Amino acid sequence: MERVIDYTTRGTCSRAIHIVMDGDTIKEVQFMGGCHGNTQGVAALVAGMDANEAIKRLRGIKCGMKSTSCPDQLAVALTQALENA
């Protein structure tokens, strides 16, 4: 079953993440704002990936001196999506 998640990020240059999932599989990710090339790369890499695997790979990544990053915020969004499924 396809579902859409819109997550407002915290502590990053990106403002939000739009995620389309089919069950636990990530179909599409779009970041609003942030470093365009990097967020496009992350989105392309996780397309078709199981959300649990993406969370495992992305959680805890930091950006510079920040305590989080766009990939880490994607992991947070995916965790919430799975918990609320």
PDB file of N, CA and C in Angstrom:
ATOM      1  N   MET A   1       0.840  -1.174   0.000  1.00  0.00           N
ATOM      2  CA  MET A   1       0.000   0.000   0.000  1.00  0.00           C
ATOM      3  C   MET A   1       0.894   1.249   0.000  1.00  0.00           C
ATOM      4  N   GLU A   2       0.686   2.106  -0.954  1.00  0.00           N
ATOM      5  CA  GLU A   2       1.488   3.313  -1.078  1.00  0.00           C
ATOM      6  C   GLU A   2       1.021   4.378  -0.091  1.00  0.00           C
ATOM      7  N   ARG A   3       2.009   5.045   0.519  1.00  0.00           N
ATOM      8  CA  ARG A   3       1.676   6.149   1.422  1.00  0.00           C
ATOM      9  C   ARG A   3       2.705   7.257   1.267  1.00  0.00           C
ATOM     10  N   VAL A   4       2.267   8.458   1.602  1.00  0.00           N
ATOM     11  CA  VAL A   4       3.099   9.644   1.463  1.00  0.00           C
ATOM     12  C   VAL A   4       3.379  10.220   2.844  1.00  0.00           C
ATOM     13  N   ILE A   5       4.647  10.552   3.080  1.00  0.00           N
ATOM     14  CA  ILE A   5       5.058  11.144   4.361  1.00  0.00           C
ATOM     15  C   ILE A   5       5.701  12.487   4.045  1.00  0.00           C
ATOM     16  N   ASP A   6       5.240  13.529   4.699  1.00  0.00           N
ATOM     17  CA  ASP A   6       5.868  14.845   4.613  1.00  0.00           C
ATOM     18  C   ASP A   6       6.415  15.165   5.993  1.00  0.00           C
ATOM     19  N   TYR A   7       7.731  15.290   6.074  1.00  0.00           N
ATOM     20  CA  TYR A   7       8.415  15.474   7.339  1.00  0.00           C
ATOM     21  C   TYR A   7       9.116  16.827   7.353  1.00  0.00           C
ATOM     22  N   THR A   8       8.898  17.610   8.402  1.00  0.00           N
ATOM     23  CA  THR A   8       9.587  18.878   8.585  1.00  0.00           C
ATOM     24  C   THR A   8      10.898  18.615   9.317  1.00  0.00           C
ATOM     25  N   THR A   9      11.999  18.948   8.669  1.00  0.00           N
ATOM     26  CA  THR A   9      13.316  18.673   9.245  1.00  0.00           C
ATOM     27  C   THR A   9      13.648  19.646  10.367  1.00  0.00           C
ATOM     28  N   ARG A  10      14.606  19.237  11.188  1.00  0.00           N
ATOM     29  CA  ARG A  10      15.079  20.066  12.304  1.00  0.00           C
ATOM     30  C   ARG A  10      16.603  20.079  12.288  1.00  0.00           C
ATOM     31  N   GLY A  11      17.181  21.282  12.335  1.00  0.00           N
ATOM     32  CA  GLY A  11      18.621  21.411  12.448  1.00  0.00           C
ATOM     33  C   GLY A  11      19.404  21.246  11.163  1.00  0.00           C
ATOM     34  N   THR A  12      18.726  21.321  10.009  1.00  0.00           N
ATOM     35  CA  THR A  12      19.417  21.179   8.722  1.00  0.00           C
ATOM     36  C   THR A  12      19.061  22.330   7.795  1.00  0.00           C
ATOM     37  N   CYS A  13      19.813  22.433   6.710  1.00  0.00           N
ATOM     38  CA  CYS A  13      19.521  23.446   5.691  1.00  0.00           C
ATOM     39  C   CYS A  13      18.238  23.113   4.930  1.00  0.00           C
ATOM     40  N   SER A  14      17.956  21.825   4.748  1.00  0.00           N
ATOM     41  CA  SER A  14      16.698  21.451   4.101  1.00  0.00           C
ATOM     42  C   SER A  14      15.547  21.759   5.065  1.00  0.00           C
ATOM     43  N   ARG A  15      14.414  22.105   4.502  1.00  0.00           N
ATOM     44  CA  ARG A  15      13.244  22.476   5.307  1.00  0.00           C
ATOM     45  C   ARG A  15      12.278  21.314   5.523  1.00  0.00           C
ATOM     46  N   ALA A  16      12.239  20.402   4.563  1.00  0.00           N
ATOM     47  CA  ALA A  16      11.275  19.308   4.635  1.00  0.00           C
ATOM     48  C   ALA A  16      11.726  18.167   3.735  1.00  0.00           C
ATOM     49  N   ILE A  17      11.147  16.987   3.991  1.00  0.00           N
ATOM     50  CA  ILE A  17      11.405  15.812   3.164  1.00  0.00           C
ATOM     51  C   ILE A  17      10.060  15.208   2.787  1.00  0.00           C
ATOM     52  N   HIS A  18       9.887  14.950   1.493  1.00  0.00           N
ATOM     53  CA  HIS A  18       8.681  14.308   0.967  1.00  0.00           C
ATOM     54  C   HIS A  18       9.072  12.880   0.599  1.00  0.00           C
ATOM     55  N   ILE A  19       8.382  11.916   1.195  1.00  0.00           N
ATOM     56  CA  ILE A  19       8.730  10.503   0.999  1.00  0.00           C
ATOM     57  C   ILE A  19       7.500   9.745   0.511  1.00  0.00           C
ATOM     58  N   VAL A  20       7.699   8.908  -0.514  1.00  0.00           N
ATOM     59  CA  VAL A  20       6.649   7.999  -0.969  1.00  0.00           C
ATOM     60  C   VAL A  20       7.148   6.589  -0.688  1.00  0.00           C
ATOM     61  N   MET A  21       6.325   5.827   0.032  1.00  0.00           N
ATOM     62  CA  MET A  21       6.692   4.460   0.395  1.00  0.00           C
ATOM     63  C   MET A  21       5.623   3.483  -0.082  1.00  0.00           C
ATOM     64  N   ASP A  22       6.057   2.267  -0.390  1.00  0.00           N
ATOM     65  CA  ASP A  22       5.161   1.161  -0.698  1.00  0.00           C
ATOM     66  C   ASP A  22       5.487   0.085   0.327  1.00  0.00           C
ATOM     67  N   GLY A  23       4.650  -0.021   1.343  1.00  0.00           N
ATOM     68  CA  GLY A  23       4.970  -0.901   2.467  1.00  0.00           C
ATOM     69  C   GLY A  23       6.183  -0.337   3.176  1.00  0.00           C
ATOM     70  N   ASP A  24       7.239  -1.144   3.323  1.00  0.00           N
ATOM     71  CA  ASP A  24       8.481  -0.686   3.958  1.00  0.00           C
ATOM     72  C   ASP A  24       9.530  -0.274   2.937  1.00  0.00           C
ATOM     73  N   THR A  25       9.166  -0.260   1.656  1.00  0.00           N
ATOM     74  CA  THR A  25      10.101   0.098   0.593  1.00  0.00           C
ATOM     75  C   THR A  25       9.966   1.575   0.228  1.00  0.00           C
ATOM     76  N   ILE A  26      11.100   2.253   0.148  1.00  0.00           N
ATOM     77  CA  ILE A  26      11.123   3.664  -0.236  1.00  0.00           C
ATOM     78  C   ILE A  26      11.007   3.742  -1.754  1.00  0.00           C
ATOM     79  N   LYS A  27       9.970   4.417  -2.237  1.00  0.00           N
ATOM     80  CA  LYS A  27       9.804   4.580  -3.684  1.00  0.00           C
ATOM     81  C   LYS A  27      10.454   5.863  -4.177  1.00  0.00           C
ATOM     82  N   GLU A  28      10.295   6.931  -3.410  1.00  0.00           N
ATOM     83  CA  GLU A  28      10.780   8.235  -3.862  1.00  0.00           C
ATOM     84  C   GLU A  28      11.046   9.134  -2.662  1.00  0.00           C
ATOM     85  N   VAL A  29      12.078   9.956  -2.758  1.00  0.00           N
ATOM     86  CA  VAL A  29      12.396  10.941  -1.720  1.00  0.00           C
ATOM     87  C   VAL A  29      12.718  12.261  -2.400  1.00  0.00           C
ATOM     88  N   GLN A  30      12.174  13.350  -1.866  1.00  0.00           N
ATOM     89  CA  GLN A  30      12.497  14.693  -2.341  1.00  0.00           C
ATOM     90  C   GLN A  30      12.773  15.569  -1.131  1.00  0.00           C
ATOM     91  N   PHE A  31      13.912  16.235  -1.148  1.00  0.00           N
ATOM     92  CA  PHE A  31      14.258  17.190  -0.104  1.00  0.00           C
ATOM     93  C   PHE A  31      13.875  18.583  -0.584  1.00  0.00           C
ATOM     94  N   MET A  32      13.305  19.400   0.286  1.00  0.00           N
ATOM     95  CA  MET A  32      13.028  20.789  -0.007  1.00  0.00           C
ATOM     96  C   MET A  32      14.129  21.620   0.640  1.00  0.00           C
ATOM     97  N   GLY A  33      14.965  22.234  -0.182  1.00  0.00           N
ATOM     98  CA  GLY A  33      16.102  22.990   0.323  1.00  0.00           C
ATOM     99  C   GLY A  33      17.295  22.075   0.557  1.00  0.00           C
ATOM    100  N   GLY A  34      18.320  22.642   1.139  1.00  0.00           N
ATOM    101  CA  GLY A  34      19.530  21.875   1.399  1.00  0.00           C
ATOM    102  C   GLY A  34      20.484  21.926   0.222  1.00  0.00           C
ATOM    103  N   CYS A  35      21.545  21.176   0.299  1.00  0.00           N
ATOM    104  CA  CYS A  35      22.554  21.105  -0.761  1.00  0.00           C
ATOM    105  C   CYS A  35      22.005  20.214  -1.872  1.00  0.00           C
ATOM    106  N   HIS A  36      21.580  20.832  -2.950  1.00  0.00           N
ATOM    107  CA  HIS A  36      20.811  20.135  -3.985  1.00  0.00           C
ATOM    108  C   HIS A  36      21.497  18.862  -4.500  1.00  0.00           C
ATOM    109  N   GLY A  37      22.761  18.942  -4.821  1.00  0.00           N
ATOM    110  CA  GLY A  37      23.454  17.760  -5.342  1.00  0.00           C
ATOM    111  C   GLY A  37      23.510  16.635  -4.330  1.00  0.00           C
ATOM    112  N   ASN A  38      23.807  16.977  -3.089  1.00  0.00           N
ATOM    113  CA  ASN A  38      23.893  15.956  -2.043  1.00  0.00           C
ATOM    114  C   ASN A  38      22.543  15.326  -1.758  1.00  0.00           C
ATOM    115  N   THR A  39      21.505  16.147  -1.652  1.00  0.00           N
ATOM    116  CA  THR A  39      20.183  15.586  -1.338  1.00  0.00           C
ATOM    117  C   THR A  39      19.644  14.770  -2.512  1.00  0.00           C
ATOM    118  N   GLN A  40      19.949  15.186  -3.749  1.00  0.00           N
ATOM    119  CA  GLN A  40      19.550  14.380  -4.908  1.00  0.00           C
ATOM    120  C   GLN A  40      20.256  13.025  -4.874  1.00  0.00           C
ATOM    121  N   GLY A  41      21.527  13.045  -4.494  1.00  0.00           N
ATOM    122  CA  GLY A  41      22.287  11.802  -4.415  1.00  0.00           C
ATOM    123  C   GLY A  41      21.728  10.854  -3.369  1.00  0.00           C
ATOM    124  N   VAL A  42      21.440  11.378  -2.190  1.00  0.00           N
ATOM    125  CA  VAL A  42      20.857  10.553  -1.122  1.00  0.00           C
ATOM    126  C   VAL A  42      19.521   9.980  -1.587  1.00  0.00           C
ATOM    127  N   ALA A  43      18.690  10.824  -2.194  1.00  0.00           N
ATOM    128  CA  ALA A  43      17.369  10.379  -2.663  1.00  0.00           C
ATOM    129  C   ALA A  43      17.497   9.262  -3.692  1.00  0.00           C
ATOM    130  N   ALA A  44      18.434   9.397  -4.618  1.00  0.00           N
ATOM    131  CA  ALA A  44      18.629   8.368  -5.645  1.00  0.00           C
ATOM    132  C   ALA A  44      19.132   7.064  -5.042  1.00  0.00           C
ATOM    133  N   LEU A  45      20.010   7.162  -4.064  1.00  0.00           N
ATOM    134  CA  LEU A  45      20.575   5.961  -3.449  1.00  0.00           C
ATOM    135  C   LEU A  45      19.561   5.158  -2.642  1.00  0.00           C
ATOM    136  N   VAL A  46      18.604   5.834  -2.004  1.00  0.00           N
ATOM    137  CA  VAL A  46      17.647   5.100  -1.163  1.00  0.00           C
ATOM    138  C   VAL A  46      16.408   4.638  -1.933  1.00  0.00           C
ATOM    139  N   ALA A  47      16.201   5.123  -3.153  1.00  0.00           N
ATOM    140  CA  ALA A  47      15.043   4.693  -3.941  1.00  0.00           C
ATOM    141  C   ALA A  47      15.101   3.187  -4.158  1.00  0.00           C
ATOM    142  N   GLY A  48      14.029   2.499  -3.806  1.00  0.00           N
ATOM    143  CA  GLY A  48      13.953   1.047  -3.929  1.00  0.00           C
ATOM    144  C   GLY A  48      14.500   0.288  -2.732  1.00  0.00           C
ATOM    145  N   MET A  49      15.046   1.010  -1.766  1.00  0.00           N
ATOM    146  CA  MET A  49      15.653   0.388  -0.586  1.00  0.00           C
ATOM    147  C   MET A  49      14.617   0.159   0.510  1.00  0.00           C
ATOM    148  N   ASP A  50      14.811  -0.899   1.277  1.00  0.00           N
ATOM    149  CA  ASP A  50      13.983  -1.125   2.457  1.00  0.00           C
ATOM    150  C   ASP A  50      14.269  -0.015   3.466  1.00  0.00           C
ATOM    151  N   ALA A  51      13.239   0.539   4.057  1.00  0.00           N
ATOM    152  CA  ALA A  51      13.387   1.658   4.985  1.00  0.00           C
ATOM    153  C   ALA A  51      14.283   1.310   6.165  1.00  0.00           C
ATOM    154  N   ASN A  52      14.195   0.087   6.664  1.00  0.00           N
ATOM    155  CA  ASN A  52      15.035  -0.307   7.802  1.00  0.00           C
ATOM    156  C   ASN A  52      16.512  -0.282   7.444  1.00  0.00           C
ATOM    157  N   GLU A  53      16.850  -0.682   6.224  1.00  0.00           N
ATOM    158  CA  GLU A  53      18.238  -0.646   5.767  1.00  0.00           C
ATOM    159  C   GLU A  53      18.710   0.798   5.621  1.00  0.00           C
ATOM    160  N   ALA A  54      17.860   1.660   5.079  1.00  0.00           N
ATOM    161  CA  ALA A  54      18.220   3.071   4.937  1.00  0.00           C
ATOM    162  C   ALA A  54      18.451   3.705   6.307  1.00  0.00           C
ATOM    163  N   ILE A  55      17.584   3.406   7.252  1.00  0.00           N
ATOM    164  CA  ILE A  55      17.734   3.941   8.615  1.00  0.00           C
ATOM    165  C   ILE A  55      19.074   3.502   9.200  1.00  0.00           C
ATOM    166  N   LYS A  56      19.385   2.234   9.039  1.00  0.00           N
ATOM    167  CA  LYS A  56      20.632   1.680   9.572  1.00  0.00           C
ATOM    168  C   LYS A  56      21.847   2.401   8.979  1.00  0.00           C
ATOM    169  N   ARG A  57      21.795   2.719   7.693  1.00  0.00           N
ATOM    170  CA  ARG A  57      22.931   3.349   7.020  1.00  0.00           C
ATOM    171  C   ARG A  57      23.030   4.848   7.280  1.00  0.00           C
ATOM    172  N   LEU A  58      21.896   5.523   7.480  1.00  0.00           N
ATOM    173  CA  LEU A  58      21.879   6.986   7.535  1.00  0.00           C
ATOM    174  C   LEU A  58      21.857   7.574   8.944  1.00  0.00           C
ATOM    175  N   ARG A  59      21.326   6.834   9.900  1.00  0.00           N
ATOM    176  CA  ARG A  59      21.189   7.364  11.263  1.00  0.00           C
ATOM    177  C   ARG A  59      22.547   7.731  11.842  1.00  0.00           C
ATOM    178  N   GLY A  60      22.595   8.928  12.431  1.00  0.00           N
ATOM    179  CA  GLY A  60      23.798   9.372  13.119  1.00  0.00           C
ATOM    180  C   GLY A  60      24.785  10.143  12.264  1.00  0.00           C
ATOM    181  N   ILE A  61      24.549  10.273  10.964  1.00  0.00           N
ATOM    182  CA  ILE A  61      25.443  11.066  10.123  1.00  0.00           C
ATOM    183  C   ILE A  61      25.287  12.533  10.508  1.00  0.00           C
ATOM    184  N   LYS A  62      26.415  13.212  10.659  1.00  0.00           N
ATOM    185  CA  LYS A  62      26.394  14.628  11.037  1.00  0.00           C
ATOM    186  C   LYS A  62      26.907  15.475   9.882  1.00  0.00           C
ATOM    187  N   CYS A  63      26.498  16.739   9.874  1.00  0.00           N
ATOM    188  CA  CYS A  63      26.933  17.697   8.858  1.00  0.00           C
ATOM    189  C   CYS A  63      27.743  18.782   9.555  1.00  0.00           C
ATOM    190  N   GLY A  64      29.058  18.758   9.346  1.00  0.00           N
ATOM    191  CA  GLY A  64      29.917  19.749   9.991  1.00  0.00           C
ATOM    192  C   GLY A  64      29.786  19.674  11.501  1.00  0.00           C
ATOM    193  N   MET A  65      29.548  20.820  12.113  1.00  0.00           N
ATOM    194  CA  MET A  65      29.419  20.898  13.570  1.00  0.00           C
ATOM    195  C   MET A  65      27.985  20.644  14.050  1.00  0.00           C
ATOM    196  N   LYS A  66      27.052  20.439  13.130  1.00  0.00           N
ATOM    197  CA  LYS A  66      25.661  20.187  13.504  1.00  0.00           C
ATOM    198  C   LYS A  66      25.523  18.788  14.106  1.00  0.00           C
ATOM    199  N   SER A  67      24.511  18.612  14.916  1.00  0.00           N
ATOM    200  CA  SER A  67      24.290  17.307  15.542  1.00  0.00           C
ATOM    201  C   SER A  67      23.479  16.375  14.643  1.00  0.00           C
ATOM    202  N   THR A  68      23.111  16.837  13.461  1.00  0.00           N
ATOM    203  CA  THR A  68      22.313  16.055  12.532  1.00  0.00           C
ATOM    204  C   THR A  68      22.732  16.413  11.111  1.00  0.00           C
ATOM    205  N   SER A  69      22.030  15.846  10.134  1.00  0.00           N
ATOM    206  CA  SER A  69      22.279  16.116   8.720  1.00  0.00           C
ATOM    207  C   SER A  69      21.012  15.771   7.952  1.00  0.00           C
ATOM    208  N   CYS A  70      20.998  16.084   6.664  1.00  0.00           N
ATOM    209  CA  CYS A  70      19.841  15.701   5.851  1.00  0.00           C
ATOM    210  C   CYS A  70      19.652  14.179   5.823  1.00  0.00           C
ATOM    211  N   PRO A  71      20.730  13.373   5.636  1.00  0.00           N
ATOM    212  CA  PRO A  71      20.543  11.923   5.699  1.00  0.00           C
ATOM    213  C   PRO A  71      20.029  11.452   7.062  1.00  0.00           C
ATOM    214  N   ASP A  72      20.549  12.022   8.150  1.00  0.00           N
ATOM    215  CA  ASP A  72      20.083  11.659   9.489  1.00  0.00           C
ATOM    216  C   ASP A  72      18.616  12.025   9.668  1.00  0.00           C
ATOM    217  N   GLN A  73      18.211  13.175   9.163  1.00  0.00           N
ATOM    218  CA  GLN A  73      16.810  13.581   9.270  1.00  0.00           C
ATOM    219  C   GLN A  73      15.918  12.658   8.446  1.00  0.00           C
ATOM    220  N   LEU A  74      16.418  12.156   7.317  1.00  0.00           N
ATOM    221  CA  LEU A  74      15.665  11.161   6.549  1.00  0.00           C
ATOM    222  C   LEU A  74      15.488   9.899   7.377  1.00  0.00           C
ATOM    223  N   ALA A  75      16.523   9.477   8.100  1.00  0.00           N
ATOM    224  CA  ALA A  75      16.415   8.307   8.969  1.00  0.00           C
ATOM    225  C   ALA A  75      15.370   8.529  10.058  1.00  0.00           C
ATOM    226  N   VAL A  76      15.327   9.729  10.619  1.00  0.00           N
ATOM    227  CA  VAL A  76      14.329  10.059  11.643  1.00  0.00           C
ATOM    228  C   VAL A  76      12.927   9.991  11.040  1.00  0.00           C
ATOM    229  N   ALA A  77      12.756  10.570   9.849  1.00  0.00           N
ATOM    230  CA  ALA A  77      11.451  10.560   9.187  1.00  0.00           C
ATOM    231  C   ALA A  77      10.993   9.136   8.884  1.00  0.00           C
ATOM    232  N   LEU A  78      11.911   8.304   8.406  1.00  0.00           N
ATOM    233  CA  LEU A  78      11.569   6.919   8.088  1.00  0.00           C
ATOM    234  C   LEU A  78      11.225   6.127   9.350  1.00  0.00           C
ATOM    235  N   THR A  79      11.946   6.381  10.425  1.00  0.00           N
ATOM    236  CA  THR A  79      11.653   5.713  11.696  1.00  0.00           C
ATOM    237  C   THR A  79      10.237   6.051  12.150  1.00  0.00           C
ATOM    238  N   GLN A  80       9.887   7.326  12.094  1.00  0.00           N
ATOM    239  CA  GLN A  80       8.540   7.744  12.475  1.00  0.00           C
ATOM    240  C   GLN A  80       7.495   7.115  11.563  1.00  0.00           C
ATOM    241  N   ALA A  81       7.780   7.062  10.269  1.00  0.00           N
ATOM    242  CA  ALA A  81       6.839   6.471   9.315  1.00  0.00           C
ATOM    243  C   ALA A  81       6.576   5.003   9.629  1.00  0.00           C
ATOM    244  N   LEU A  82       7.636   4.264   9.948  1.00  0.00           N
ATOM    245  CA  LEU A  82       7.468   2.845  10.270  1.00  0.00           C
ATOM    246  C   LEU A  82       6.724   2.656  11.586  1.00  0.00           C
ATOM    247  N   GLU A  83       6.988   3.517  12.564  1.00  0.00           N
ATOM    248  CA  GLU A  83       6.309   3.421  13.846  1.00  0.00           C
ATOM    249  C   GLU A  83       4.820   3.739  13.740  1.00  0.00           C
ATOM    250  N   ASN A  84       4.472   4.610  12.790  1.00  0.00           N
ATOM    251  CA  ASN A  84       3.073   5.040  12.627  1.00  0.00           C
ATOM    252  C   ASN A  84       2.329   4.262  11.557  1.00  0.00           C
ATOM    253  N   ALA A  85       2.956   3.223  11.000  1.00  0.00           N
ATOM    254  CA  ALA A  85       2.327   2.452   9.921  1.00  0.00           C
ATOM    255  C   ALA A  85       1.175   1.613  10.437  1.00  0.00           C
TER     256      ALA A  85
END
